[in-house]
N, C-alpha and C. Protein backbone atom coordinates (compact mmCIF):
# COMPACT_ATOMS: atom_id res chain seq x y z
N MET A 1 -5.36 15.63 13.56
CA MET A 1 -4.14 15.61 12.56
C MET A 1 -4.95 16.72 11.79
N SER A 2 -3.82 17.71 11.85
CA SER A 2 -4.54 18.90 10.71
C SER A 2 -3.70 18.40 8.94
N ARG A 3 -5.04 18.56 8.50
CA ARG A 3 -4.55 18.29 7.29
C ARG A 3 -3.08 19.35 6.29
N ASN A 4 -2.95 20.61 6.95
CA ASN A 4 -2.19 21.76 6.67
C ASN A 4 -0.61 21.00 7.03
N LEU A 5 -0.66 20.00 7.87
CA LEU A 5 0.74 19.43 7.86
C LEU A 5 1.24 18.63 6.79
N PHE A 6 0.44 18.57 6.14
CA PHE A 6 0.81 17.94 4.36
C PHE A 6 1.11 18.75 3.56
N ASN A 7 0.92 19.78 3.61
CA ASN A 7 0.69 20.48 2.45
C ASN A 7 2.20 20.83 1.66
N LYS A 8 1.88 21.29 0.64
CA LYS A 8 3.22 21.72 -0.51
C LYS A 8 4.48 22.44 0.34
N GLN A 9 4.35 23.09 1.16
CA GLN A 9 5.13 23.67 1.77
C GLN A 9 5.97 22.95 2.96
N ALA A 10 5.16 22.35 3.33
CA ALA A 10 5.85 21.13 4.23
C ALA A 10 6.51 20.20 3.59
N LYS A 11 5.94 20.15 2.58
CA LYS A 11 6.57 18.98 1.82
C LYS A 11 7.77 19.17 1.35
N ARG A 12 8.15 20.41 1.28
CA ARG A 12 9.62 20.92 0.07
C ARG A 12 10.66 21.10 1.62
N ALA A 13 9.95 21.25 2.49
CA ALA A 13 11.02 21.33 3.75
C ALA A 13 11.46 19.88 4.40
N CYS A 14 10.84 18.67 4.18
CA CYS A 14 11.34 17.54 5.01
C CYS A 14 12.44 17.13 4.01
N THR A 15 13.57 16.40 4.46
CA THR A 15 14.54 15.58 3.79
C THR A 15 13.58 14.51 3.27
N SER A 16 12.63 13.92 3.51
CA SER A 16 12.28 12.25 2.94
C SER A 16 10.44 12.68 4.07
N LEU A 17 9.66 11.76 3.05
CA LEU A 17 8.28 11.87 3.36
C LEU A 17 8.08 10.15 3.58
N LYS A 18 8.81 9.59 3.75
CA LYS A 18 8.28 8.21 3.95
C LYS A 18 8.65 7.72 5.04
N ALA A 19 8.08 6.59 5.46
CA ALA A 19 8.21 5.88 6.96
C ALA A 19 9.65 5.96 7.63
N GLY A 20 9.52 6.07 8.71
CA GLY A 20 11.04 6.49 9.62
C GLY A 20 11.39 7.74 9.56
N VAL A 21 10.75 8.53 8.85
CA VAL A 21 11.68 9.99 8.91
C VAL A 21 10.55 11.02 8.91
N ILE A 22 10.74 11.99 10.42
CA ILE A 22 9.81 12.43 11.19
C ILE A 22 10.04 14.16 10.00
N CYS A 23 8.76 14.35 9.60
CA CYS A 23 8.57 15.91 8.85
C CYS A 23 9.09 16.90 9.29
N ALA A 24 10.35 18.09 9.50
CA ALA A 24 10.76 19.04 10.40
C ALA A 24 10.76 20.05 9.13
N GLY A 25 10.24 21.46 9.08
CA GLY A 25 10.16 22.17 8.75
C GLY A 25 10.05 23.59 8.85
N LEU A 26 10.00 24.68 8.10
CA LEU A 26 9.77 25.98 8.44
C LEU A 26 8.65 26.38 8.02
N MET A 27 7.35 26.65 8.97
CA MET A 27 5.84 27.47 8.11
C MET A 27 5.88 28.34 8.94
N GLY A 28 5.56 29.60 8.16
CA GLY A 28 5.37 30.83 8.89
C GLY A 28 6.44 31.09 9.97
N GLY A 29 7.74 30.91 9.38
CA GLY A 29 8.93 31.14 10.61
C GLY A 29 8.88 30.31 11.68
N ALA A 30 8.14 29.14 11.63
CA ALA A 30 8.17 28.70 13.25
C ALA A 30 8.27 27.07 12.75
N ALA A 31 9.64 26.21 13.47
CA ALA A 31 9.94 25.18 12.86
C ALA A 31 8.50 24.09 13.52
N VAL A 32 8.08 22.81 12.16
CA VAL A 32 6.97 22.12 12.86
C VAL A 32 7.39 20.91 12.82
N ALA A 33 6.95 20.36 13.67
CA ALA A 33 6.84 18.50 13.68
C ALA A 33 5.63 18.17 13.45
N GLY A 34 5.79 16.96 12.25
CA GLY A 34 4.51 16.35 12.43
C GLY A 34 4.32 14.94 12.23
N PRO A 35 3.32 13.97 11.63
CA PRO A 35 3.44 12.72 11.44
C PRO A 35 4.20 12.86 10.48
N MET A 36 4.61 11.27 10.45
CA MET A 36 5.62 10.31 9.40
C MET A 36 4.92 10.21 8.27
N MET A 37 5.21 10.80 7.10
CA MET A 37 4.17 10.33 5.98
C MET A 37 4.78 9.23 5.11
N ILE A 38 3.84 8.39 5.16
CA ILE A 38 4.18 7.10 4.24
C ILE A 38 4.27 7.19 2.80
N GLU A 39 2.75 7.57 1.88
CA GLU A 39 3.07 8.17 0.98
C GLU A 39 2.17 9.27 0.75
N ASP A 40 2.07 10.39 -0.23
CA ASP A 40 1.29 11.17 -0.39
C ASP A 40 1.62 11.12 -1.82
N PHE A 41 -0.07 10.49 -2.32
CA PHE A 41 -0.10 10.36 -3.97
C PHE A 41 -0.27 11.63 -4.80
N SER A 42 -0.34 13.20 -4.09
CA SER A 42 -0.60 14.39 -4.88
C SER A 42 0.33 14.46 -6.11
N ASP A 43 1.24 14.33 -6.23
CA ASP A 43 2.16 14.68 -7.24
C ASP A 43 1.86 13.73 -8.33
N GLY A 44 1.33 12.72 -8.16
CA GLY A 44 0.64 11.44 -9.25
C GLY A 44 2.30 10.50 -9.45
N GLN A 45 2.96 10.46 -8.43
CA GLN A 45 4.01 9.28 -8.44
C GLN A 45 3.57 8.36 -7.49
N ALA A 46 3.95 7.09 -7.59
CA ALA A 46 4.25 5.98 -6.54
C ALA A 46 5.31 5.17 -6.47
N PRO A 47 6.55 5.73 -6.82
CA PRO A 47 7.58 5.06 -6.59
C PRO A 47 7.54 4.02 -5.34
N GLY A 48 8.22 2.56 -5.54
CA GLY A 48 7.91 1.84 -4.99
C GLY A 48 6.89 0.77 -4.50
N TRP A 49 5.82 1.30 -5.07
CA TRP A 49 4.57 0.61 -4.77
C TRP A 49 4.09 -0.22 -6.28
N ARG A 50 4.04 -1.30 -5.88
CA ARG A 50 3.36 -2.38 -6.94
C ARG A 50 2.17 -3.68 -6.92
N TYR A 51 1.66 -3.69 -7.77
CA TYR A 51 0.59 -4.37 -7.52
C TYR A 51 0.69 -5.91 -7.84
N VAL A 52 0.01 -6.55 -6.86
CA VAL A 52 -0.09 -7.71 -6.49
C VAL A 52 -1.32 -8.81 -6.52
N SER A 53 -1.35 -9.58 -7.36
CA SER A 53 -2.75 -10.21 -6.59
C SER A 53 -2.65 -11.95 -6.65
N ASP A 54 -3.93 -12.38 -6.04
CA ASP A 54 -4.17 -13.76 -5.79
C ASP A 54 -3.68 -14.63 -7.00
N ARG A 55 -3.22 -14.09 -7.85
CA ARG A 55 -2.78 -15.00 -9.13
C ARG A 55 -1.35 -15.56 -8.88
N VAL A 56 -0.95 -14.55 -8.17
CA VAL A 56 0.40 -15.68 -7.88
C VAL A 56 0.71 -16.63 -7.20
N MET A 57 -0.59 -16.94 -6.38
CA MET A 57 -0.94 -18.42 -5.90
C MET A 57 -1.90 -19.30 -6.68
N GLY A 58 -2.26 -18.60 -7.68
CA GLY A 58 -3.30 -19.40 -8.64
C GLY A 58 -4.82 -18.84 -8.28
N GLY A 59 -5.03 -17.90 -7.94
CA GLY A 59 -6.15 -17.40 -7.67
C GLY A 59 -6.76 -16.57 -8.99
N VAL A 60 -7.89 -16.47 -9.17
CA VAL A 60 -8.45 -15.38 -10.64
C VAL A 60 -8.92 -13.99 -10.28
N SER A 61 -8.53 -13.49 -9.60
CA SER A 61 -8.65 -12.10 -8.99
C SER A 61 -7.79 -11.44 -10.13
N ASP A 62 -8.57 -10.12 -10.61
CA ASP A 62 -7.78 -9.37 -11.58
C ASP A 62 -8.08 -8.05 -11.31
N GLY A 63 -6.86 -6.81 -11.43
CA GLY A 63 -7.23 -5.55 -11.32
C GLY A 63 -6.02 -4.93 -11.47
N GLU A 64 -5.60 -3.60 -11.11
CA GLU A 64 -4.52 -3.03 -11.26
C GLU A 64 -4.53 -1.63 -10.28
N MET A 65 -3.67 -1.08 -10.24
CA MET A 65 -3.27 0.37 -9.19
C MET A 65 -2.96 1.42 -10.35
N GLN A 66 -3.73 2.62 -10.40
CA GLN A 66 -3.85 3.55 -11.37
C GLN A 66 -3.57 4.61 -10.56
N MET A 67 -2.84 5.68 -11.22
CA MET A 67 -2.14 6.85 -10.30
C MET A 67 -3.65 7.90 -11.39
N THR A 68 -4.51 8.60 -10.69
CA THR A 68 -5.80 9.30 -10.78
C THR A 68 -5.43 10.39 -10.61
N GLY A 69 -5.91 11.80 -11.26
CA GLY A 69 -5.81 13.12 -10.89
C GLY A 69 -7.03 13.22 -11.20
N GLN A 70 -6.89 14.56 -10.44
CA GLN A 70 -8.11 15.49 -10.30
C GLN A 70 -8.00 16.92 -9.91
N ALA A 71 -8.69 17.77 -10.10
CA ALA A 71 -8.45 19.53 -9.58
C ALA A 71 -7.89 19.31 -8.05
N ALA A 72 -8.02 18.58 -7.44
CA ALA A 72 -7.80 18.51 -5.84
C ALA A 72 -6.26 18.00 -5.89
N GLY A 73 -5.77 17.39 -7.20
CA GLY A 73 -4.31 16.85 -7.13
C GLY A 73 -4.63 15.24 -7.30
N SER A 74 -3.59 14.23 -7.66
CA SER A 74 -3.79 13.01 -7.85
C SER A 74 -3.91 12.19 -6.44
N PHE A 75 -4.04 10.63 -6.97
CA PHE A 75 -4.60 9.77 -5.89
C PHE A 75 -4.34 8.55 -6.57
N ALA A 76 -4.23 7.53 -5.53
CA ALA A 76 -3.80 6.13 -5.93
C ALA A 76 -5.21 5.36 -5.94
N ARG A 77 -5.50 4.60 -7.25
CA ARG A 77 -6.65 3.85 -7.10
C ARG A 77 -6.63 2.37 -7.28
N LEU A 78 -6.82 1.66 -6.60
CA LEU A 78 -7.11 -0.05 -6.82
C LEU A 78 -8.20 -0.49 -7.16
N VAL A 79 -8.45 -1.19 -8.24
CA VAL A 79 -9.46 -1.26 -9.10
C VAL A 79 -9.38 -2.51 -9.52
N GLY A 80 -10.53 -3.27 -9.73
CA GLY A 80 -10.40 -4.66 -10.14
C GLY A 80 -11.74 -5.65 -9.49
N THR A 81 -11.57 -6.69 -9.62
CA THR A 81 -12.69 -7.69 -9.35
C THR A 81 -11.75 -8.88 -8.24
N VAL A 82 -12.59 -8.75 -7.52
CA VAL A 82 -11.68 -9.98 -6.33
C VAL A 82 -12.85 -11.11 -6.12
N SER A 83 -12.10 -12.33 -6.67
CA SER A 83 -12.60 -13.51 -6.82
C SER A 83 -11.98 -14.69 -5.76
N THR A 84 -12.98 -15.29 -5.01
CA THR A 84 -12.54 -16.34 -4.16
C THR A 84 -12.36 -17.78 -4.96
N ALA A 85 -12.59 -17.77 -6.05
CA ALA A 85 -12.27 -19.20 -6.96
C ALA A 85 -11.11 -19.44 -6.75
N ASN A 86 -10.94 -20.78 -7.04
CA ASN A 86 -9.16 -21.40 -6.92
C ASN A 86 -8.47 -20.95 -5.42
N ASN A 87 -9.20 -20.73 -4.71
CA ASN A 87 -8.59 -20.46 -3.04
C ASN A 87 -7.67 -18.89 -3.06
N GLY A 88 -8.51 -18.28 -4.02
CA GLY A 88 -8.24 -16.69 -4.33
C GLY A 88 -8.88 -15.67 -2.93
N GLY A 89 -8.47 -14.63 -3.47
CA GLY A 89 -9.80 -13.59 -2.92
C GLY A 89 -9.08 -12.42 -2.78
N PHE A 90 -7.79 -11.85 -3.36
CA PHE A 90 -7.14 -10.74 -3.16
C PHE A 90 -6.82 -10.10 -4.32
N ILE A 91 -6.90 -8.12 -4.28
CA ILE A 91 -5.87 -7.66 -5.13
C ILE A 91 -5.45 -6.79 -4.13
N GLN A 92 -4.07 -6.19 -4.61
CA GLN A 92 -3.59 -5.13 -3.65
C GLN A 92 -2.31 -4.07 -4.27
N PHE A 93 -2.02 -3.06 -3.30
CA PHE A 93 -0.74 -2.23 -3.71
C PHE A 93 -0.03 -2.16 -2.56
N ARG A 94 1.15 -2.75 -2.65
CA ARG A 94 2.55 -2.64 -1.98
C ARG A 94 3.52 -1.97 -1.86
N ARG A 95 4.34 -2.02 -0.98
CA ARG A 95 5.59 -1.48 -0.94
C ARG A 95 6.42 -1.92 0.25
N ALA A 96 7.30 -1.85 0.25
CA ALA A 96 8.62 -2.34 1.36
C ALA A 96 8.37 -0.63 1.79
N LEU A 97 8.49 -0.68 3.40
CA LEU A 97 8.91 0.86 3.84
C LEU A 97 10.59 0.80 3.85
N GLU A 98 10.95 2.02 3.59
CA GLU A 98 12.40 2.63 3.98
C GLU A 98 12.82 2.35 5.42
N ALA A 99 12.43 2.30 6.33
CA ALA A 99 12.57 2.64 7.61
C ALA A 99 11.74 2.00 8.53
N PRO A 100 11.82 1.29 9.49
CA PRO A 100 10.46 0.84 10.40
C PRO A 100 10.01 2.35 11.04
N PHE A 101 8.56 2.00 11.58
CA PHE A 101 7.74 2.67 12.39
C PHE A 101 8.52 2.81 13.64
N GLU A 102 8.14 4.44 13.97
CA GLU A 102 9.08 4.64 15.57
C GLU A 102 7.95 3.62 16.68
N ALA A 103 8.87 3.53 17.54
CA ALA A 103 8.15 2.86 18.58
C ALA A 103 7.21 3.80 19.32
N THR A 104 7.15 4.80 19.20
CA THR A 104 6.33 5.68 19.94
C THR A 104 4.85 5.92 19.04
N SER A 105 4.75 5.49 17.82
CA SER A 105 3.88 5.91 16.90
C SER A 105 2.92 4.74 17.66
N ILE A 106 1.63 5.71 17.10
CA ILE A 106 0.18 4.51 17.83
C ILE A 106 -0.43 4.44 16.44
N GLY A 107 -0.17 4.73 15.42
CA GLY A 107 -1.39 3.67 14.30
C GLY A 107 -1.33 4.54 12.96
N LEU A 108 -2.21 4.29 12.20
CA LEU A 108 -2.18 4.96 10.58
C LEU A 108 -3.37 5.78 10.66
N LYS A 109 -2.91 6.41 9.32
CA LYS A 109 -4.30 7.57 9.15
C LYS A 109 -4.04 7.26 7.87
N LEU A 110 -5.13 7.47 6.98
CA LEU A 110 -4.91 7.61 5.57
C LEU A 110 -6.51 8.30 5.21
N ARG A 111 -6.26 9.02 4.09
CA ARG A 111 -7.91 9.70 3.57
C ARG A 111 -7.84 8.65 2.47
N VAL A 112 -9.39 8.62 2.05
CA VAL A 112 -9.82 7.20 1.46
C VAL A 112 -11.33 7.46 0.65
N ARG A 113 -11.54 6.88 -0.20
CA ARG A 113 -13.03 6.96 -0.74
C ARG A 113 -12.83 5.84 -1.38
N GLY A 114 -14.17 5.18 -1.60
CA GLY A 114 -14.53 3.82 -2.10
C GLY A 114 -16.04 3.61 -2.61
N ASN A 115 -16.13 2.46 -2.86
CA ASN A 115 -17.39 2.27 -3.53
C ASN A 115 -18.47 1.49 -2.04
N GLY A 116 -18.16 1.75 -1.07
CA GLY A 116 -19.22 1.36 0.21
C GLY A 116 -18.79 -0.23 0.65
N GLU A 117 -17.32 -0.66 -0.15
CA GLU A 117 -17.12 -2.19 -0.16
C GLU A 117 -15.99 -1.82 1.45
N ARG A 118 -15.64 -2.78 2.19
CA ARG A 118 -14.62 -2.94 2.94
C ARG A 118 -13.63 -3.22 2.66
N TYR A 119 -12.49 -2.56 2.92
CA TYR A 119 -11.02 -2.74 2.11
C TYR A 119 -9.80 -2.84 3.91
N TYR A 120 -8.94 -3.28 3.27
CA TYR A 120 -7.93 -3.73 4.31
C TYR A 120 -6.70 -3.29 4.24
N ILE A 121 -5.66 -2.80 5.10
CA ILE A 121 -4.23 -2.73 5.61
C ILE A 121 -3.46 -3.65 6.18
N HIS A 122 -2.88 -4.40 5.04
CA HIS A 122 -1.90 -5.49 5.51
C HIS A 122 -0.30 -5.04 5.75
N LEU A 123 0.06 -5.19 6.77
CA LEU A 123 1.33 -4.70 7.63
C LEU A 123 1.83 -6.27 7.66
N ARG A 124 3.28 -6.08 7.23
CA ARG A 124 4.24 -7.65 7.02
C ARG A 124 5.30 -7.14 8.16
N PRO A 125 5.60 -7.87 8.91
CA PRO A 125 6.65 -7.91 10.42
C PRO A 125 8.22 -8.56 9.62
N LYS A 126 8.88 -8.21 10.01
CA LYS A 126 10.25 -8.91 9.57
C LYS A 126 10.01 -10.45 10.28
N SER A 127 9.23 -11.09 11.32
CA SER A 127 9.44 -12.56 11.39
C SER A 127 8.11 -13.28 10.71
N SER A 128 7.79 -12.46 9.86
CA SER A 128 7.01 -13.18 8.67
C SER A 128 7.65 -14.05 7.74
N THR A 129 7.41 -15.76 7.84
CA THR A 129 8.23 -16.12 6.76
C THR A 129 7.36 -17.04 5.54
N ARG A 130 6.17 -16.53 5.56
CA ARG A 130 5.17 -17.06 4.79
C ARG A 130 4.70 -15.71 3.80
N PRO A 131 4.18 -15.81 2.84
CA PRO A 131 3.20 -14.59 2.53
C PRO A 131 2.35 -13.88 2.86
N TRP A 132 1.66 -15.11 3.71
CA TRP A 132 0.26 -15.07 3.93
C TRP A 132 0.23 -15.05 5.89
N HIS A 133 1.57 -14.21 5.95
CA HIS A 133 1.80 -14.17 7.36
C HIS A 133 1.79 -12.33 7.53
N TYR A 134 0.64 -11.71 7.91
CA TYR A 134 0.93 -10.13 7.92
C TYR A 134 -0.46 -9.83 9.45
N PHE A 135 -0.06 -8.61 9.74
CA PHE A 135 -1.01 -8.35 10.60
C PHE A 135 -2.11 -7.49 9.68
N ALA A 136 -3.49 -7.53 9.88
CA ALA A 136 -4.38 -6.91 9.41
C ALA A 136 -5.30 -6.00 10.05
N ALA A 137 -5.65 -4.78 9.86
CA ALA A 137 -7.03 -4.18 9.66
C ALA A 137 -7.93 -3.48 8.75
N SER A 138 -9.06 -3.56 9.17
CA SER A 138 -10.20 -3.45 8.06
C SER A 138 -10.80 -1.66 8.15
N PHE A 139 -11.44 -1.44 7.27
CA PHE A 139 -12.29 -0.14 7.24
C PHE A 139 -13.15 -0.01 6.29
N ASP A 140 -14.28 0.58 6.61
CA ASP A 140 -15.34 0.83 5.24
C ASP A 140 -15.39 2.39 4.83
N THR A 141 -15.47 2.19 3.25
CA THR A 141 -15.70 3.30 2.68
C THR A 141 -17.43 3.70 2.15
N GLY A 142 -16.80 4.54 1.67
CA GLY A 142 -18.51 5.54 1.17
C GLY A 142 -17.87 6.24 0.08
N THR A 143 -18.71 6.90 -0.80
CA THR A 143 -18.11 7.86 -1.83
C THR A 143 -17.76 9.22 -1.82
N GLU A 144 -17.44 9.69 -0.61
CA GLU A 144 -17.01 10.84 -0.29
C GLU A 144 -15.67 10.70 0.56
N TRP A 145 -14.73 11.23 0.20
CA TRP A 145 -13.31 11.27 1.00
C TRP A 145 -13.54 11.26 2.47
N GLN A 146 -12.90 10.39 3.49
CA GLN A 146 -13.07 10.42 4.50
C GLN A 146 -11.56 10.05 5.33
N ASP A 147 -11.45 10.58 6.18
CA ASP A 147 -9.86 10.08 6.83
C ASP A 147 -10.39 8.76 7.64
N VAL A 148 -9.41 8.04 7.73
CA VAL A 148 -9.69 6.59 8.51
C VAL A 148 -8.30 6.91 9.36
N THR A 149 -8.66 6.38 10.80
CA THR A 149 -7.80 6.09 11.58
C THR A 149 -7.59 4.93 12.02
N LEU A 150 -6.23 4.01 11.88
CA LEU A 150 -6.14 2.47 12.35
C LEU A 150 -5.65 2.71 13.55
N PRO A 151 -5.62 2.66 15.12
CA PRO A 151 -4.99 2.41 15.80
C PRO A 151 -3.88 1.18 15.80
N TRP A 152 -3.01 0.65 15.84
CA TRP A 152 -2.32 -0.27 16.45
C TRP A 152 -2.97 -1.65 17.13
N SER A 153 -3.93 -1.77 17.71
CA SER A 153 -4.43 -2.20 18.41
C SER A 153 -5.76 -2.87 17.33
N ALA A 154 -5.78 -2.48 16.16
CA ALA A 154 -6.84 -2.88 15.54
C ALA A 154 -6.44 -3.64 14.38
N PHE A 155 -5.04 -3.97 14.58
CA PHE A 155 -4.35 -5.06 13.83
C PHE A 155 -4.10 -6.44 13.88
N THR A 156 -4.65 -7.09 13.80
CA THR A 156 -4.04 -8.77 14.41
C THR A 156 -3.95 -9.86 13.35
N ALA A 157 -3.38 -10.62 14.39
CA ALA A 157 -2.20 -11.82 13.34
C ALA A 157 -3.28 -12.08 12.21
N GLN A 158 -2.42 -12.63 11.13
CA GLN A 158 -3.15 -13.36 9.72
C GLN A 158 -2.65 -14.67 9.65
N GLY A 159 -2.96 -15.65 8.95
CA GLY A 159 -2.27 -16.57 8.23
C GLY A 159 -1.49 -17.21 9.12
N GLY A 160 -1.89 -17.65 10.39
CA GLY A 160 -0.90 -18.22 11.02
C GLY A 160 0.54 -17.98 11.75
N LEU A 161 0.29 -16.19 11.79
CA LEU A 161 1.68 -15.60 12.24
C LEU A 161 1.51 -15.75 13.68
N ILE A 162 2.64 -15.89 14.33
CA ILE A 162 2.74 -15.91 15.64
C ILE A 162 3.75 -15.02 15.90
N ALA A 163 2.87 -13.87 16.79
CA ALA A 163 3.83 -12.79 16.72
C ALA A 163 2.89 -11.50 17.22
N ASP A 164 3.63 -10.70 18.46
CA ASP A 164 2.72 -9.74 18.95
C ASP A 164 2.90 -8.50 18.46
N PHE A 165 2.10 -7.35 18.03
CA PHE A 165 2.67 -6.47 17.28
C PHE A 165 3.74 -5.64 17.61
N ASN A 166 4.57 -5.36 16.85
CA ASN A 166 5.52 -4.41 16.88
C ASN A 166 5.65 -3.73 16.01
N ALA A 167 5.56 -2.52 15.82
CA ALA A 167 5.56 -1.09 14.95
C ALA A 167 6.99 -1.33 14.61
N THR A 168 7.86 -1.31 15.05
CA THR A 168 9.60 -0.82 14.90
C THR A 168 10.00 -2.44 14.11
N GLU A 169 8.89 -3.45 14.06
CA GLU A 169 9.51 -4.82 13.09
C GLU A 169 8.63 -4.93 12.14
N ILE A 170 7.90 -3.85 11.38
CA ILE A 170 7.07 -3.84 10.16
C ILE A 170 7.87 -3.58 9.17
N THR A 171 7.63 -4.36 8.18
CA THR A 171 8.73 -3.98 6.66
C THR A 171 7.91 -3.75 5.73
N SER A 172 6.45 -3.88 5.55
CA SER A 172 5.77 -3.74 4.59
C SER A 172 4.69 -3.28 4.99
N ILE A 173 3.77 -2.36 3.79
CA ILE A 173 2.56 -1.74 4.00
C ILE A 173 1.85 -2.21 2.61
N GLY A 174 0.54 -2.82 2.52
CA GLY A 174 -0.35 -3.00 1.61
C GLY A 174 -2.01 -2.86 1.89
N VAL A 175 -2.11 -2.03 0.98
CA VAL A 175 -3.69 -1.67 0.72
C VAL A 175 -4.31 -2.89 -0.39
N VAL A 176 -5.39 -3.46 0.42
CA VAL A 176 -5.99 -4.75 0.11
C VAL A 176 -7.25 -4.72 -0.15
N ALA A 177 -7.82 -4.99 -1.47
CA ALA A 177 -9.37 -5.66 -1.66
C ALA A 177 -9.39 -7.35 -1.27
N TYR A 178 -10.13 -7.83 -0.29
CA TYR A 178 -9.98 -9.24 -0.13
C TYR A 178 -11.28 -9.74 0.97
N GLY A 179 -10.96 -11.19 0.26
CA GLY A 179 -12.14 -12.22 0.83
C GLY A 179 -13.51 -11.89 1.00
N ALA A 180 -13.93 -11.48 -0.37
CA ALA A 180 -14.98 -11.98 -0.66
C ALA A 180 -15.25 -11.78 -2.48
N ASP A 181 -16.20 -12.17 -2.91
CA ASP A 181 -16.36 -11.56 -4.45
C ASP A 181 -16.79 -10.44 -4.70
N TYR A 182 -15.95 -9.52 -5.10
CA TYR A 182 -17.05 -7.94 -5.26
C TYR A 182 -16.09 -7.57 -6.46
N GLU A 183 -16.34 -6.21 -6.77
CA GLU A 183 -15.99 -5.60 -7.42
C GLU A 183 -15.28 -4.31 -6.64
N ALA A 184 -14.04 -3.85 -6.80
CA ALA A 184 -13.29 -3.18 -5.98
C ALA A 184 -13.01 -1.66 -6.70
N GLN A 185 -12.98 -0.52 -5.49
CA GLN A 185 -12.57 0.72 -6.80
C GLN A 185 -12.36 1.25 -5.10
N LEU A 186 -11.09 1.62 -5.22
CA LEU A 186 -10.74 2.36 -3.51
C LEU A 186 -9.61 3.36 -3.97
N ASP A 187 -9.84 4.49 -3.70
CA ASP A 187 -9.25 5.57 -4.07
C ASP A 187 -8.72 5.82 -2.36
N VAL A 188 -6.96 6.29 -2.71
CA VAL A 188 -6.19 6.84 -1.48
C VAL A 188 -5.39 8.13 -1.66
N ALA A 189 -5.47 9.05 -0.95
CA ALA A 189 -5.15 10.16 -1.26
C ALA A 189 -3.38 10.24 -0.64
N TRP A 190 -3.40 9.82 0.72
CA TRP A 190 -2.15 9.75 1.21
C TRP A 190 -2.52 8.56 2.54
N ILE A 191 -1.15 8.35 3.12
CA ILE A 191 -0.80 7.51 3.98
C ILE A 191 -0.50 7.51 5.24
N ALA A 192 -0.62 8.17 6.41
CA ALA A 192 0.35 8.33 7.33
C ALA A 192 0.49 7.82 8.91
N VAL A 193 1.81 7.37 9.42
CA VAL A 193 1.58 6.76 10.62
C VAL A 193 2.10 8.12 11.81
N GLU A 194 0.83 8.23 12.65
CA GLU A 194 0.59 8.82 13.76
C GLU A 194 1.57 8.25 14.81
């Protein structure tokens, strides 16, 4: 997948860059169809995303979602302290999807950098009846920007969820620091579905 598919010209040509809408426009006079963008944080905006921690369940983890800018553009940052005390152990930012993923999609791709820790993507399906029912996949980070690919086969059911993964049933996405005591710092430039 070329980064050119996400440039500003293609962005302006799209009717929507949110999940479920295929980006199609004109680039150099030719029609272009690209991956579905869930979020491109380069404009410094993050509508629909909200920070959530284990404090909603009595945990003591603490953090925040920040929008941070550089010469290369803005990005979202998840930062804070993850603590497993009081049966806790997560901080995250998440959003509901405006539309489900396409049945022909094969996974997620995201550009990230971090502090060497492991982070997660949590996808919640329609069949989720509890907050802890979701599909999860992990990825490791380094201090340089990298593109991470997470095929649907990498996502496994968590928290007692009894369901087979079906991309068309996913209703929300979370970017998560989870499962251990550590300091989190994860930067996310964009997230797309392939």
